[in-house]
Amino acid sequence: MAASRSSRISNDDDDTDTIDVHIIPLSTSEAIDRQRGDLQRNVSFSNGLTLVVGIIIGSGIFASPGPVLSYSKSVGVSLIIWFVSGLLAFAGSLCYAELGSAMPSSGGGEHAYLQHAFGSLPAFLFSWSSIALLKPAGNAIICVVFAEYVVNIIAQSSWEPTQPMRHWTYKLVGVICVLVLSGLNSISVSVGTRIQDLFTFIKVVTLLVIGITGVVVLAQKSLSSHNFDHAFEGETQPSLGDIALGLYSGLWAYDGWNNLNYVSTEMKNPTRDLPRVIFAGVPIVIIFYLLANTAYYAVLPEATVMSTNTVAIDFGKQMFGNTGGVLFALCVACSCFGAANGSIFTGARVIYASAREGYLPKMFGKINEKRKTPIAALGLQAVMTSIMILGGTFSTLVNFYSVAAWLFYLASIQGLLYLRYYEPNLKRPFRVWTIVPIMFTFLGLFLFLMPFVRAPLESCLSMVIVLAGLPLWVVKELVSGNKGTRWEDLKNKMLSSLGFPPSGGRHERLVGH
């Protein structure tokens, strides 16, 4: 059983103030690394429920409705996509709960699950992809949303840029956001973590206000509630590729479901309470999102929702005038700023931990002696995130990110089924119904494959980056101190990683370190 190793970052000379760093699953969840100090199991069911809702709800619900409607072609289909996206997140979180309960000492996450089930190759590819693609792209998406809301606030109050200028202004503000947050997280660990709580509160309150307002408007049958009169009628019918890309945009808003296992490390009774928290928390988020989208459609014309990534501004203006638009935009911008801070904070720790594992040059695994922060890791992440902001838009970045993310989600769920067959006696305090990972697999394959037809450039580029880790893994295995490593050993490890028995025909997982 191979557990992901952890490293410790000291904030001062007192051993009681540390950060445990694992190679963790990457997403743009607003969850910031909560593994500070020696964790006490003092989180109750109600506390865990609040944490789960806070982890999942993010910037996506304020940016994804437009792309989802654009791909789905009609209000009715878009609401179905939001519901199905929530069900997928629910199913995935239940599967990850089983994996986490079976490997409680691993630190959690795709790296640990893949390492245990299939060995070092897929675990390395995940870590490589997290550093080179998943985390920078996730950071970039959040910062792009932040930039669009900030620029639109300025445009409403004093300055109206031309469309080309607006496009590049978004990118400039997004890069500035990355640099500012990287700088803040370089100053001290506490500065990065203290930003978080207020912004988490703001995003939940904003979402509640939108949902309640929409229900009131719909009940009064005013404004654009006629959008529901012919909800499934669009100018054209969506293709399967459109549905897949629509699900990507919807699932982006639920991103963070794969991080829910981290809540269990602080629960009083994780075996009992984590499944209960998931069964309660994820449906609550689904309801919030359906209410918010219903509110958008009740207040705004369909064409307005379809054409914007800043739907909360249009909602606020329609309901409360220009002041309302600015106020909602400020709330969403604060939410995105907090989300980006959490993502940048954890992303730098992934680079740091990977360097300590020997996956990256040692300089990225060092802590600044004065600041006690991983400045080199933060700098590398800032450069990669800025490149992605300059090279993509919200929709292209979501597609680029999601293809790779769903590859590893699928691989982790296959690890669950694989371990059920090859390690039936592995202790599983929580066991999900078998139909759940099977259905997740079929839907996940659809989500992974269809974008290669509908968005081939982003999909192929994403896979090129993932597969670029393969020669790096070979080099690592040959030169990392595994003395006596031969090509035959590497071949056997690769076969084992794919679920095939190595040379000799006997099934035996070869776990590399």
Protein backbone atom coordinates (compact mmCIF):
# COMPACT_ATOMS: atom_id res chain seq x y z
CA MET A 1 0.00 0.00 0.00
CA ALA A 2 1.64 3.21 -1.13
CA ALA A 3 0.60 6.38 0.60
CA SER A 4 1.50 9.80 -0.68
CA ARG A 5 4.25 11.24 1.44
CA SER A 6 3.87 14.62 3.08
CA SER A 7 6.22 17.48 3.83
CA ARG A 8 5.98 20.07 6.58
CA ILE A 9 6.33 23.80 6.26
CA SER A 10 7.27 25.47 9.53
CA ASN A 11 5.90 28.93 10.22
CA ASP A 12 8.24 29.49 13.16
CA ASP A 13 10.40 27.56 15.53
CA ASP A 14 7.40 26.13 17.34
CA ASP A 15 6.52 22.68 16.03
CA THR A 16 2.87 23.30 16.81
CA ASP A 17 2.44 25.72 13.90
CA THR A 18 2.92 23.75 10.72
CA ILE A 19 1.29 22.99 7.44
CA ASP A 20 1.04 19.42 6.26
CA VAL A 21 1.47 19.37 2.51
CA HIS A 22 0.29 16.45 0.38
CA ILE A 23 0.17 15.97 -3.32
CA ILE A 24 -3.52 16.71 -3.32
CA PRO A 25 -6.30 16.57 -5.88
CA LEU A 26 -6.46 19.79 -7.81
CA SER A 27 -9.50 21.82 -8.50
CA THR A 28 -10.48 25.40 -8.32
CA SER A 29 -12.47 24.84 -5.28
CA GLU A 30 -12.70 27.74 -2.92
CA ALA A 31 -11.49 25.36 -0.24
CA ILE A 32 -8.18 26.47 1.11
CA ASP A 33 -5.80 23.97 2.64
CA ARG A 34 -7.30 23.33 6.05
CA GLN A 35 -4.59 20.95 7.15
CA ARG A 36 -2.91 23.39 9.53
CA GLY A 37 -1.24 22.11 12.63
CA ASP A 38 -2.12 18.88 14.36
CA LEU A 39 -5.71 18.40 13.29
CA GLN A 40 -8.23 17.90 16.04
CA ARG A 41 -11.35 15.86 15.36
CA ASN A 42 -13.81 18.54 16.43
CA VAL A 43 -15.97 18.95 13.31
CA SER A 44 -19.56 17.87 13.87
CA PHE A 45 -22.12 16.93 11.24
CA SER A 46 -23.44 20.50 11.04
CA ASN A 47 -19.91 21.94 10.79
CA GLY A 48 -19.07 19.43 8.08
CA LEU A 49 -22.21 20.30 6.16
CA THR A 50 -21.22 23.97 6.14
CA LEU A 51 -17.70 23.10 4.99
CA VAL A 52 -18.96 20.92 2.14
CA VAL A 53 -21.30 23.62 0.84
CA GLY A 54 -18.51 26.19 1.10
CA ILE A 55 -16.05 23.95 -0.72
CA ILE A 56 -18.30 23.32 -3.73
CA ILE A 57 -20.01 26.69 -4.23
CA GLY A 58 -17.64 28.83 -6.22
CA SER A 59 -17.25 31.35 -8.99
CA GLY A 60 -18.72 29.00 -11.60
CA ILE A 61 -22.36 29.70 -10.74
CA PHE A 62 -21.73 33.38 -11.56
CA ALA A 63 -19.98 32.67 -14.89
CA SER A 64 -21.15 29.31 -16.27
CA PRO A 65 -24.89 29.97 -16.90
CA GLY A 66 -24.17 31.76 -20.19
CA PRO A 67 -21.96 29.02 -21.69
CA VAL A 68 -24.32 26.28 -20.44
CA LEU A 69 -27.30 27.96 -22.13
CA SER A 70 -25.26 28.65 -25.27
CA TYR A 71 -24.35 24.96 -25.63
CA SER A 72 -27.76 23.59 -24.60
CA LYS A 73 -29.75 25.91 -26.93
CA SER A 74 -32.78 26.16 -24.60
CA VAL A 75 -33.71 27.04 -21.04
CA GLY A 76 -35.20 23.61 -20.30
CA VAL A 77 -32.17 21.65 -21.51
CA SER A 78 -29.82 23.98 -19.64
CA LEU A 79 -31.63 23.32 -16.35
CA ILE A 80 -31.39 19.57 -17.02
CA ILE A 81 -27.65 19.99 -17.60
CA TRP A 82 -27.31 21.78 -14.26
CA PHE A 83 -29.21 18.96 -12.55
CA VAL A 84 -27.22 16.18 -14.25
CA SER A 85 -23.97 17.99 -13.42
CA GLY A 86 -25.02 17.96 -9.79
CA LEU A 87 -25.86 14.26 -9.91
CA LEU A 88 -22.43 13.51 -11.39
CA ALA A 89 -20.76 15.51 -8.63
CA PHE A 90 -22.90 13.64 -6.07
CA ALA A 91 -22.00 10.24 -7.52
CA GLY A 92 -18.32 11.12 -7.76
CA SER A 93 -18.16 12.37 -4.18
CA LEU A 94 -19.71 9.11 -2.94
CA CYS A 95 -17.12 7.08 -4.86
CA TYR A 96 -14.31 9.21 -3.46
CA ALA A 97 -15.77 8.74 0.03
CA GLU A 98 -15.25 4.98 -0.36
CA LEU A 99 -11.70 5.47 -1.61
CA GLY A 100 -10.92 7.86 1.22
CA SER A 101 -12.38 5.55 3.86
CA ALA A 102 -10.33 2.64 2.50
CA MET A 103 -7.11 4.68 2.56
CA PRO A 104 -7.51 7.00 5.56
CA SER A 105 -3.78 7.45 6.14
CA SER A 106 -2.92 8.34 2.55
CA GLY A 107 -3.68 12.04 2.71
CA GLY A 108 -6.39 11.51 0.13
CA GLY A 109 -6.68 12.59 -3.44
CA GLU A 110 -6.19 11.15 -6.88
CA HIS A 111 -2.42 10.78 -6.41
CA ALA A 112 -2.89 8.45 -3.44
CA TYR A 113 -5.75 6.49 -5.01
CA LEU A 114 -3.92 5.96 -8.31
CA GLN A 115 -0.68 5.08 -6.53
CA HIS A 116 -2.39 2.42 -4.43
CA ALA A 117 -4.42 0.89 -7.26
CA PHE A 118 -2.14 1.15 -10.29
CA GLY A 119 1.33 2.16 -9.16
CA SER A 120 3.66 5.05 -9.82
CA LEU A 121 3.00 5.85 -13.50
CA PRO A 122 -0.60 7.13 -13.31
CA ALA A 123 0.15 8.77 -9.96
CA PHE A 124 3.09 10.59 -11.53
CA LEU A 125 1.02 11.60 -14.57
CA PHE A 126 -1.60 13.07 -12.25
CA SER A 127 0.98 15.04 -10.29
CA TRP A 128 2.61 16.25 -13.50
CA SER A 129 -0.76 17.23 -14.97
CA SER A 130 -1.73 19.02 -11.77
CA ILE A 131 1.38 21.16 -11.97
CA ALA A 132 1.46 21.75 -15.72
CA LEU A 133 -2.25 21.94 -16.53
CA LEU A 134 -4.94 21.45 -13.90
CA LYS A 135 -3.89 23.95 -11.26
CA PRO A 136 -2.71 26.74 -13.61
CA ALA A 137 -5.82 26.37 -15.78
CA GLY A 138 -8.08 26.34 -12.71
CA ASN A 139 -6.39 29.45 -11.35
CA ALA A 140 -6.68 31.13 -14.74
CA ILE A 141 -10.42 30.44 -15.03
CA ILE A 142 -11.17 32.01 -11.66
CA CYS A 143 -8.95 35.02 -12.34
CA VAL A 144 -10.60 35.54 -15.76
CA VAL A 145 -14.04 35.60 -14.09
CA PHE A 146 -12.71 38.03 -11.48
CA ALA A 147 -11.30 40.26 -14.22
CA GLU A 148 -14.53 40.29 -16.22
CA TYR A 149 -16.55 41.39 -13.21
CA VAL A 150 -14.01 44.05 -12.16
CA VAL A 151 -13.70 45.51 -15.66
CA ASN A 152 -17.49 45.61 -16.00
CA ILE A 153 -17.75 47.50 -12.70
CA ILE A 154 -15.33 50.11 -14.05
CA ALA A 155 -17.08 50.21 -17.42
CA GLN A 156 -20.43 50.95 -15.79
CA SER A 157 -19.10 53.74 -13.62
CA SER A 158 -16.61 55.74 -15.65
CA TRP A 159 -15.03 54.08 -18.69
CA GLU A 160 -16.42 52.16 -21.64
CA PRO A 161 -13.61 50.37 -23.51
CA THR A 162 -13.92 49.15 -27.07
CA GLN A 163 -14.44 45.40 -27.48
CA PRO A 164 -10.82 44.56 -28.45
CA MET A 165 -9.54 46.74 -25.62
CA ARG A 166 -11.99 45.13 -23.20
CA HIS A 167 -10.74 41.67 -24.23
CA TRP A 168 -7.13 42.50 -23.42
CA THR A 169 -8.11 44.46 -20.32
CA TYR A 170 -9.70 41.29 -18.97
CA LYS A 171 -6.43 39.46 -19.46
CA LEU A 172 -4.33 42.24 -17.93
CA VAL A 173 -6.53 42.44 -14.82
CA GLY A 174 -6.49 38.64 -14.55
CA VAL A 175 -2.68 38.57 -14.62
CA ILE A 176 -2.54 41.37 -12.04
CA CYS A 177 -4.84 39.32 -9.79
CA VAL A 178 -2.47 36.34 -10.06
CA LEU A 179 0.59 38.44 -9.27
CA VAL A 180 -1.04 40.22 -6.32
CA LEU A 181 -2.27 36.99 -4.73
CA SER A 182 1.04 35.22 -5.35
CA GLY A 183 2.75 38.17 -3.67
CA LEU A 184 0.40 38.07 -0.68
CA ASN A 185 0.94 34.34 -0.27
CA SER A 186 4.70 34.91 -0.50
CA ILE A 187 4.61 37.35 2.41
CA SER A 188 3.31 34.87 4.97
CA VAL A 189 1.09 31.85 5.33
CA SER A 190 -1.32 33.65 7.65
CA VAL A 191 -1.95 36.48 5.17
CA GLY A 192 -3.06 33.94 2.58
CA THR A 193 -5.37 32.03 4.91
CA ARG A 194 -7.02 35.00 6.63
CA ILE A 195 -8.37 36.36 3.34
CA GLN A 196 -10.65 33.36 2.99
CA ASP A 197 -13.48 33.40 5.52
CA LEU A 198 -15.09 36.75 4.64
CA PHE A 199 -15.17 35.98 0.91
CA THR A 200 -16.74 32.56 1.53
CA PHE A 201 -19.55 34.25 3.47
CA ILE A 202 -20.07 36.84 0.70
CA LYS A 203 -20.48 34.27 -2.07
CA VAL A 204 -23.08 32.23 -0.19
CA VAL A 205 -25.12 35.31 0.74
CA THR A 206 -24.98 36.59 -2.86
CA LEU A 207 -26.24 33.26 -4.17
CA LEU A 208 -29.06 33.17 -1.63
CA VAL A 209 -30.18 36.70 -2.52
CA ILE A 210 -30.24 35.81 -6.23
CA GLY A 211 -32.21 32.62 -5.62
CA ILE A 212 -34.80 34.17 -3.30
CA THR A 213 -35.28 37.18 -5.60
CA GLY A 214 -35.84 34.90 -8.57
CA VAL A 215 -38.44 32.81 -6.74
CA VAL A 216 -40.35 35.98 -5.82
CA VAL A 217 -40.23 37.26 -9.41
CA LEU A 218 -41.34 33.90 -10.79
CA ALA A 219 -44.22 33.73 -8.33
CA GLN A 220 -45.37 37.15 -9.51
CA LYS A 221 -45.03 36.08 -13.16
CA SER A 222 -43.25 39.27 -14.09
CA LEU A 223 -40.17 40.35 -16.06
CA SER A 224 -38.84 37.47 -18.22
CA SER A 225 -40.73 34.58 -16.66
CA HIS A 226 -42.09 33.86 -20.16
CA ASN A 227 -38.75 32.10 -20.73
CA PHE A 228 -40.44 29.09 -19.16
CA ASP A 229 -43.47 29.12 -21.48
CA HIS A 230 -41.59 27.19 -24.19
CA ALA A 231 -38.60 26.08 -22.15
CA PHE A 232 -37.43 23.31 -24.50
CA GLU A 233 -37.78 25.23 -27.74
CA GLY A 234 -34.56 26.60 -29.20
CA GLU A 235 -33.45 27.79 -32.61
CA THR A 236 -31.50 24.54 -33.06
CA GLN A 237 -31.12 21.25 -31.22
CA PRO A 238 -27.89 20.63 -29.28
CA SER A 239 -25.54 17.92 -30.53
CA LEU A 240 -23.98 15.35 -28.22
CA GLY A 241 -20.78 17.38 -28.34
CA ASP A 242 -22.72 20.48 -27.29
CA ILE A 243 -24.23 18.56 -24.37
CA ALA A 244 -20.77 17.40 -23.26
CA LEU A 245 -19.35 20.94 -23.36
CA GLY A 246 -22.44 22.23 -21.57
CA LEU A 247 -21.84 19.65 -18.85
CA TYR A 248 -18.22 20.78 -18.61
CA SER A 249 -19.36 24.34 -17.91
CA GLY A 250 -21.95 23.12 -15.41
CA LEU A 251 -19.53 20.76 -13.69
CA TRP A 252 -17.03 23.58 -13.35
CA ALA A 253 -19.49 25.22 -10.93
CA TYR A 254 -19.58 21.98 -8.88
CA ASP A 255 -15.81 21.59 -8.95
CA GLY A 256 -14.51 20.74 -5.51
CA TRP A 257 -16.64 17.62 -5.04
CA ASN A 258 -13.45 15.58 -5.28
CA ASN A 259 -11.99 17.46 -2.29
CA LEU A 260 -14.72 16.57 0.18
CA ASN A 261 -12.61 13.81 1.78
CA TYR A 262 -10.45 16.50 3.37
CA VAL A 263 -13.37 17.40 5.62
CA SER A 264 -13.17 13.91 7.12
CA THR A 265 -9.70 14.49 8.62
CA GLU A 266 -11.26 16.82 11.20
CA MET A 267 -14.59 15.04 11.78
CA LYS A 268 -15.47 13.57 15.15
CA ASN A 269 -16.96 10.47 13.50
CA PRO A 270 -15.94 10.48 9.82
CA THR A 271 -17.14 6.95 9.07
CA ARG A 272 -20.67 7.88 10.10
CA ASP A 273 -20.78 11.59 9.26
CA LEU A 274 -18.94 11.95 5.92
CA PRO A 275 -21.56 9.99 3.92
CA ARG A 276 -24.31 11.88 5.74
CA VAL A 277 -22.65 15.20 4.96
CA ILE A 278 -22.34 14.28 1.28
CA PHE A 279 -25.94 13.04 1.11
CA ALA A 280 -27.11 16.35 2.59
CA GLY A 281 -24.55 18.85 1.32
CA VAL A 282 -24.34 18.09 -2.39
CA PRO A 283 -28.15 18.12 -2.88
CA ILE A 284 -28.25 21.49 -1.07
CA VAL A 285 -25.77 22.88 -3.60
CA ILE A 286 -27.82 21.40 -6.48
CA ILE A 287 -30.92 23.16 -5.14
CA PHE A 288 -29.01 26.45 -4.74
CA TYR A 289 -27.76 26.24 -8.32
CA LEU A 290 -31.16 25.37 -9.78
CA LEU A 291 -32.71 28.27 -7.86
CA ALA A 292 -30.02 30.67 -9.07
CA ASN A 293 -30.44 29.64 -12.71
CA THR A 294 -34.21 29.80 -12.38
CA ALA A 295 -33.75 33.32 -11.02
CA TYR A 296 -31.57 34.33 -13.96
CA TYR A 297 -34.18 33.07 -16.43
CA ALA A 298 -37.04 34.64 -14.47
CA VAL A 299 -35.42 38.08 -14.57
CA LEU A 300 -33.35 38.22 -17.77
CA PRO A 301 -34.12 37.54 -21.45
CA GLU A 302 -32.68 34.27 -22.73
CA ALA A 303 -30.43 36.12 -25.20
CA THR A 304 -28.89 38.18 -22.39
CA VAL A 305 -27.99 35.13 -20.31
CA MET A 306 -26.57 33.35 -23.35
CA SER A 307 -24.27 36.21 -24.35
CA THR A 308 -22.54 36.95 -21.04
CA ASN A 309 -20.05 35.50 -18.56
CA THR A 310 -21.11 38.12 -15.98
CA VAL A 311 -24.76 37.22 -15.53
CA ALA A 312 -24.89 38.49 -11.93
CA ILE A 313 -24.26 42.06 -13.13
CA ASP A 314 -27.17 41.90 -15.57
CA PHE A 315 -29.35 40.34 -12.88
CA GLY A 316 -28.50 43.09 -10.39
CA LYS A 317 -29.09 45.86 -12.93
CA GLN A 318 -32.44 44.43 -13.97
CA MET A 319 -33.67 44.10 -10.39
CA PHE A 320 -32.06 47.07 -8.63
CA GLY A 321 -30.72 49.40 -11.33
CA ASN A 322 -27.08 50.32 -12.01
CA THR A 323 -26.31 50.41 -8.29
CA GLY A 324 -27.54 46.84 -7.97
CA GLY A 325 -25.38 45.77 -10.90
CA VAL A 326 -22.28 47.28 -9.31
CA LEU A 327 -23.11 45.79 -5.90
CA PHE A 328 -23.61 42.28 -7.27
CA ALA A 329 -20.45 42.61 -9.35
CA LEU A 330 -18.46 43.61 -6.25
CA CYS A 331 -19.81 40.62 -4.33
CA VAL A 332 -18.89 38.20 -7.13
CA ALA A 333 -15.48 39.81 -7.59
CA CYS A 334 -14.79 39.35 -3.87
CA SER A 335 -15.92 35.74 -4.13
CA CYS A 336 -13.60 35.14 -7.07
CA PHE A 337 -10.71 36.87 -5.32
CA GLY A 338 -11.13 34.57 -2.34
CA ALA A 339 -11.47 31.54 -4.61
CA ALA A 340 -8.33 32.46 -6.52
CA ASN A 341 -6.48 32.96 -3.25
CA GLY A 342 -7.41 29.48 -2.04
CA SER A 343 -6.50 27.91 -5.35
CA ILE A 344 -3.14 29.70 -5.57
CA PHE A 345 -2.36 28.82 -1.95
CA THR A 346 -2.95 25.09 -2.43
CA GLY A 347 -1.44 25.02 -5.92
CA ALA A 348 1.90 26.29 -4.66
CA ARG A 349 1.90 23.53 -2.04
CA VAL A 350 1.39 20.95 -4.76
CA ILE A 351 4.46 22.24 -6.61
CA TYR A 352 6.39 22.34 -3.34
CA ALA A 353 5.41 18.78 -2.38
CA SER A 354 6.12 17.49 -5.89
CA ALA A 355 9.61 18.97 -5.78
CA ARG A 356 10.16 17.27 -2.43
CA GLU A 357 9.03 14.01 -4.03
CA GLY A 358 11.68 14.47 -6.73
CA TYR A 359 9.21 15.26 -9.52
CA LEU A 360 10.57 18.81 -10.01
CA PRO A 361 13.92 20.57 -9.48
CA LYS A 362 14.80 20.92 -5.80
CA MET A 363 14.65 24.72 -5.87
CA PHE A 364 10.84 24.53 -6.03
CA GLY A 365 10.81 22.43 -2.86
CA LYS A 366 12.50 25.07 -0.72
CA ILE A 367 10.97 27.46 1.80
CA ASN A 368 12.10 31.07 2.09
CA GLU A 369 13.94 31.26 5.41
CA LYS A 370 12.57 34.70 6.30
CA ARG A 371 8.97 34.39 5.10
CA LYS A 372 8.54 30.65 5.66
CA THR A 373 6.64 30.41 2.35
CA PRO A 374 7.36 28.47 -0.90
CA ILE A 375 8.23 31.56 -2.94
CA ALA A 376 9.83 29.65 -5.84
CA ALA A 377 6.77 27.42 -6.16
CA LEU A 378 4.47 30.45 -6.07
CA GLY A 379 6.56 32.13 -8.76
CA LEU A 380 6.47 29.11 -11.08
CA GLN A 381 2.72 28.81 -10.64
CA ALA A 382 2.21 32.54 -11.29
CA VAL A 383 4.10 32.34 -14.59
CA MET A 384 2.17 29.28 -15.80
CA THR A 385 -1.19 30.73 -14.76
CA SER A 386 -0.45 34.05 -16.47
CA ILE A 387 0.42 32.26 -19.72
CA MET A 388 -2.94 30.47 -19.65
CA ILE A 389 -4.83 33.69 -18.96
CA LEU A 390 -3.16 35.37 -21.93
CA GLY A 391 -3.82 32.39 -24.20
CA GLY A 392 -7.42 31.46 -23.42
CA THR A 393 -10.97 32.55 -22.68
CA PHE A 394 -13.34 31.32 -19.98
CA SER A 395 -14.94 28.66 -22.20
CA THR A 396 -11.73 27.42 -23.84
CA LEU A 397 -9.97 27.19 -20.49
CA VAL A 398 -12.87 25.23 -18.97
CA ASN A 399 -12.76 22.75 -21.87
CA PHE A 400 -8.96 22.53 -21.69
CA TYR A 401 -9.06 21.88 -17.94
CA SER A 402 -12.02 19.50 -17.94
CA VAL A 403 -10.68 16.97 -20.46
CA ALA A 404 -7.65 16.24 -18.27
CA ALA A 405 -9.62 16.44 -15.03
CA TRP A 406 -12.14 13.88 -16.22
CA LEU A 407 -9.40 11.55 -17.39
CA PHE A 408 -8.12 11.34 -13.81
CA TYR A 409 -11.59 11.24 -12.25
CA LEU A 410 -12.29 8.23 -14.47
CA ALA A 411 -8.97 6.61 -13.60
CA SER A 412 -9.65 7.03 -9.88
CA ILE A 413 -13.12 5.48 -10.16
CA GLN A 414 -11.63 2.59 -12.15
CA GLY A 415 -9.21 2.22 -9.26
CA LEU A 416 -12.20 1.78 -6.95
CA LEU A 417 -13.62 -1.03 -9.11
CA TYR A 418 -10.15 -2.53 -9.61
CA LEU A 419 -9.52 -2.68 -5.86
CA ARG A 420 -12.92 -4.23 -5.23
CA TYR A 421 -11.87 -7.12 -7.47
CA TYR A 422 -8.20 -7.50 -6.50
CA GLU A 423 -8.39 -6.41 -2.86
CA PRO A 424 -11.85 -7.54 -1.71
CA ASN A 425 -10.68 -7.74 1.91
CA LEU A 426 -9.50 -4.14 2.03
CA LYS A 427 -11.35 -2.49 4.90
CA ARG A 428 -14.00 -0.10 3.55
CA PRO A 429 -15.95 1.64 6.34
CA PHE A 430 -18.11 3.21 3.64
CA ARG A 431 -19.05 1.27 0.52
CA VAL A 432 -20.95 2.93 -2.32
CA TRP A 433 -23.51 0.94 -4.33
CA THR A 434 -21.73 -0.73 -7.27
CA ILE A 435 -24.11 0.82 -9.79
CA VAL A 436 -22.84 4.30 -8.86
CA PRO A 437 -19.21 3.92 -10.07
CA ILE A 438 -20.43 1.95 -13.11
CA MET A 439 -22.84 4.70 -14.18
CA PHE A 440 -20.22 7.33 -13.39
CA THR A 441 -17.82 5.50 -15.68
CA PHE A 442 -20.20 5.51 -18.65
CA LEU A 443 -21.09 9.17 -18.24
CA GLY A 444 -17.45 10.03 -17.60
CA LEU A 445 -16.36 8.31 -20.81
CA PHE A 446 -18.95 10.35 -22.70
CA LEU A 447 -17.67 13.54 -21.11
CA PHE A 448 -14.06 12.65 -21.83
CA LEU A 449 -14.49 11.56 -25.47
CA MET A 450 -17.12 13.90 -26.96
CA PRO A 451 -15.09 17.13 -26.63
CA PHE A 452 -12.50 15.68 -29.02
CA VAL A 453 -15.21 16.06 -31.68
CA ARG A 454 -16.69 19.38 -30.57
CA ALA A 455 -13.55 21.12 -29.24
CA PRO A 456 -10.62 19.18 -30.74
CA LEU A 457 -7.93 21.84 -30.26
CA GLU A 458 -8.36 22.24 -26.50
CA SER A 459 -8.91 18.49 -26.02
CA CYS A 460 -5.85 17.39 -27.97
CA LEU A 461 -3.63 20.04 -26.40
CA SER A 462 -4.78 18.90 -22.96
CA MET A 463 -3.85 15.29 -23.75
CA VAL A 464 -0.50 16.30 -25.22
CA ILE A 465 0.41 17.95 -21.92
CA VAL A 466 -0.76 14.92 -19.90
CA LEU A 467 1.18 12.46 -22.07
CA ALA A 468 4.28 14.67 -21.98
CA GLY A 469 4.66 13.35 -18.46
CA LEU A 470 5.33 9.82 -19.75
CA PRO A 471 8.95 10.40 -20.88
CA LEU A 472 9.51 12.42 -17.71
CA TRP A 473 8.38 9.43 -15.66
CA VAL A 474 10.77 7.15 -17.55
CA VAL A 475 13.66 9.52 -16.91
CA LYS A 476 12.68 9.83 -13.25
CA GLU A 477 12.59 6.05 -12.80
CA LEU A 478 15.97 5.64 -14.47
CA VAL A 479 17.84 8.39 -12.63
CA SER A 480 15.99 8.93 -9.33
CA GLY A 481 18.05 6.47 -7.36
CA ASN A 482 16.09 3.28 -8.11
CA LYS A 483 19.31 1.37 -8.64
CA GLY A 484 19.09 -1.53 -10.99
CA THR A 485 16.02 -0.20 -12.77
CA ARG A 486 15.88 -1.79 -16.21
CA TRP A 487 13.63 -1.34 -19.22
CA GLU A 488 12.00 -4.65 -18.30
CA ASP A 489 11.11 -3.19 -14.90
CA LEU A 490 9.64 -0.11 -16.54
CA LYS A 491 7.62 -2.24 -18.95
CA ASN A 492 6.21 -4.26 -16.06
CA LYS A 493 5.31 -1.10 -14.17
CA MET A 494 3.53 0.27 -17.22
CA LEU A 495 1.59 -2.98 -17.71
CA SER A 496 0.65 -3.02 -14.04
CA SER A 497 -0.51 0.60 -14.26
CA LEU A 498 -2.85 -0.39 -17.09
CA GLY A 499 -4.28 -3.26 -15.05
CA PHE A 500 -2.41 -6.02 -16.89
CA PRO A 501 -0.20 -8.59 -15.19
CA PRO A 502 3.53 -8.06 -15.75
CA SER A 503 5.80 -10.50 -17.55
CA GLY A 504 5.16 -13.97 -16.20
CA GLY A 505 1.39 -13.65 -16.23
CA ARG A 506 0.85 -13.38 -12.47
CA HIS A 507 -1.08 -10.36 -11.22
CA GLU A 508 1.08 -8.34 -8.87
CA ARG A 509 0.92 -4.58 -8.65
CA LEU A 510 4.34 -3.01 -8.87
CA VAL A 511 4.16 0.13 -6.82
CA GLY A 512 6.96 2.55 -7.50
CA HIS A 513 8.02 5.44 -5.37
